[in-house]
Amino acid sequence: TSAIDDGRPLHAESGYWRFPSAGRVEVVIVHPTGVTEIEEGTLVHDGGAMIVELASSAVGLTATAKSVTAIERSFRIEGDRLDYVVRMAAVGLPLQHHLAATLHRDPA
């Protein structure tokens, strides 16, 4: 992500998605903030939508990273729209809404 006012980088993630069996998803993600996460969950088709629900099975932290104890992600893809929600337990707070976004595919 980047800041709206001046475009400075705010956050990035890099990782890998695995689909070990029908309906199962495994994701490994690393953050430049010193957090790593392994998430596991489900992939289902609901009519014209594809829905992915993930929950962390492991969170790793470097010595200087902020405390993160759990992460959950939800994705819904339908047509040219992607809805994305992240819930996080961090810095002593319980699992709660962290961010959400809706992305639309550029028709060009």
Protein backbone atom coordinates (compact mmCIF):
# COMPACT_ATOMS: atom_id res chain seq x y z
CA THR A 1 0.00 0.00 0.00
CA SER A 2 1.03 3.60 -0.35
CA ALA A 3 0.02 6.90 1.22
CA ILE A 4 -2.57 8.89 -0.67
CA ASP A 5 -0.91 12.25 0.05
CA ASP A 6 2.62 11.61 -1.21
CA GLY A 7 2.80 8.00 -2.44
CA ARG A 8 5.31 6.87 0.22
CA PRO A 9 5.24 3.10 0.82
CA LEU A 10 3.29 2.01 3.91
CA HIS A 11 3.18 -1.78 3.83
CA ALA A 12 3.99 -4.75 1.65
CA GLU A 13 3.67 -8.51 1.87
CA SER A 14 5.20 -11.32 -0.11
CA GLY A 15 4.31 -14.97 -0.03
CA TYR A 16 3.11 -18.16 -1.59
CA TRP A 17 -0.30 -19.78 -1.97
CA ARG A 18 -0.66 -23.57 -2.03
CA PHE A 19 -3.72 -25.65 -2.83
CA PRO A 20 -2.84 -29.09 -1.40
CA SER A 21 -6.28 -30.63 -2.01
CA ALA A 22 -9.73 -29.68 -3.22
CA GLY A 23 -11.15 -26.94 -1.04
CA ARG A 24 -7.97 -26.47 1.05
CA VAL A 25 -5.60 -23.47 1.00
CA GLU A 26 -2.24 -22.86 2.67
CA VAL A 27 -0.55 -19.45 2.58
CA VAL A 28 2.92 -18.41 3.76
CA ILE A 29 3.45 -14.64 4.05
CA VAL A 30 6.38 -12.47 5.13
CA HIS A 31 6.10 -8.80 6.09
CA PRO A 32 8.98 -6.27 6.05
CA THR A 33 8.03 -5.46 9.67
CA GLY A 34 9.55 -8.73 10.90
CA VAL A 35 6.34 -10.76 10.96
CA THR A 36 5.88 -14.11 9.22
CA GLU A 37 2.62 -16.01 9.07
CA ILE A 38 1.34 -19.39 8.03
CA GLU A 39 -2.38 -19.42 7.33
CA GLU A 40 -4.60 -22.35 6.48
CA GLY A 41 -8.20 -22.49 5.41
CA THR A 42 -10.84 -23.21 2.84
CA LEU A 43 -11.75 -22.35 -0.73
CA VAL A 44 -15.40 -22.70 -1.73
CA HIS A 45 -17.48 -21.72 -4.72
CA ASP A 46 -20.81 -20.10 -3.85
CA GLY A 47 -22.77 -19.51 -7.02
CA GLY A 48 -20.65 -17.11 -9.06
CA ALA A 49 -18.33 -16.25 -6.16
CA MET A 50 -15.09 -17.81 -4.95
CA ILE A 51 -14.62 -17.46 -1.17
CA VAL A 52 -11.38 -18.03 0.74
CA GLU A 53 -11.29 -18.09 4.56
CA LEU A 54 -7.88 -18.26 6.26
CA ALA A 55 -6.67 -18.35 9.87
CA SER A 56 -3.10 -18.33 11.13
CA SER A 57 -1.71 -21.62 12.35
CA ALA A 58 1.66 -20.00 13.17
CA VAL A 59 3.00 -16.45 13.52
CA GLY A 60 6.75 -15.78 13.70
CA LEU A 61 8.35 -12.55 14.92
CA THR A 62 11.83 -11.06 14.76
CA ALA A 63 13.25 -9.60 17.96
CA THR A 64 12.16 -6.07 16.98
CA ALA A 65 8.73 -6.83 15.46
CA LYS A 66 5.52 -5.71 17.15
CA SER A 67 3.69 -8.51 18.91
CA VAL A 68 1.20 -10.25 16.59
CA THR A 69 -0.49 -13.41 17.92
CA ALA A 70 -3.15 -14.22 15.30
CA ILE A 71 -4.27 -13.19 11.81
CA GLU A 72 -7.37 -14.09 9.80
CA ARG A 73 -8.13 -13.16 6.19
CA SER A 74 -11.28 -13.38 4.09
CA PHE A 75 -11.45 -13.02 0.31
CA ARG A 76 -14.50 -12.97 -1.93
CA ILE A 77 -14.02 -12.83 -5.69
CA GLU A 78 -17.05 -12.37 -7.88
CA GLY A 79 -16.87 -11.13 -11.45
CA ASP A 80 -14.42 -8.23 -11.60
CA ARG A 81 -14.63 -7.49 -7.86
CA LEU A 82 -12.36 -8.64 -5.01
CA ASP A 83 -13.41 -8.00 -1.39
CA TYR A 84 -10.68 -8.47 1.20
CA VAL A 85 -10.84 -8.33 5.03
CA VAL A 86 -8.03 -8.80 7.57
CA ARG A 87 -8.51 -9.40 11.29
CA MET A 88 -5.51 -9.30 13.62
CA ALA A 89 -4.63 -9.86 17.28
CA ALA A 90 -1.65 -7.63 18.04
CA VAL A 91 0.08 -5.53 20.71
CA GLY A 92 -2.00 -7.06 23.49
CA LEU A 93 -5.38 -6.58 21.78
CA PRO A 94 -7.71 -9.47 20.87
CA LEU A 95 -8.52 -10.53 17.31
CA GLN A 96 -10.33 -7.62 15.65
CA HIS A 97 -10.91 -5.85 12.34
CA HIS A 98 -7.63 -4.51 10.96
CA LEU A 99 -8.42 -3.49 7.38
CA ALA A 100 -10.72 -4.07 4.42
CA ALA A 101 -10.59 -3.25 0.74
CA THR A 102 -12.65 -3.69 -2.39
CA LEU A 103 -10.76 -3.86 -5.67
CA HIS A 104 -12.26 -3.66 -9.14
CA ARG A 105 -10.54 -5.06 -12.22
CA ASP A 106 -9.65 -2.37 -14.74
CA PRO A 107 -11.68 -3.12 -17.87
CA ALA A 108 -8.87 -1.84 -20.12
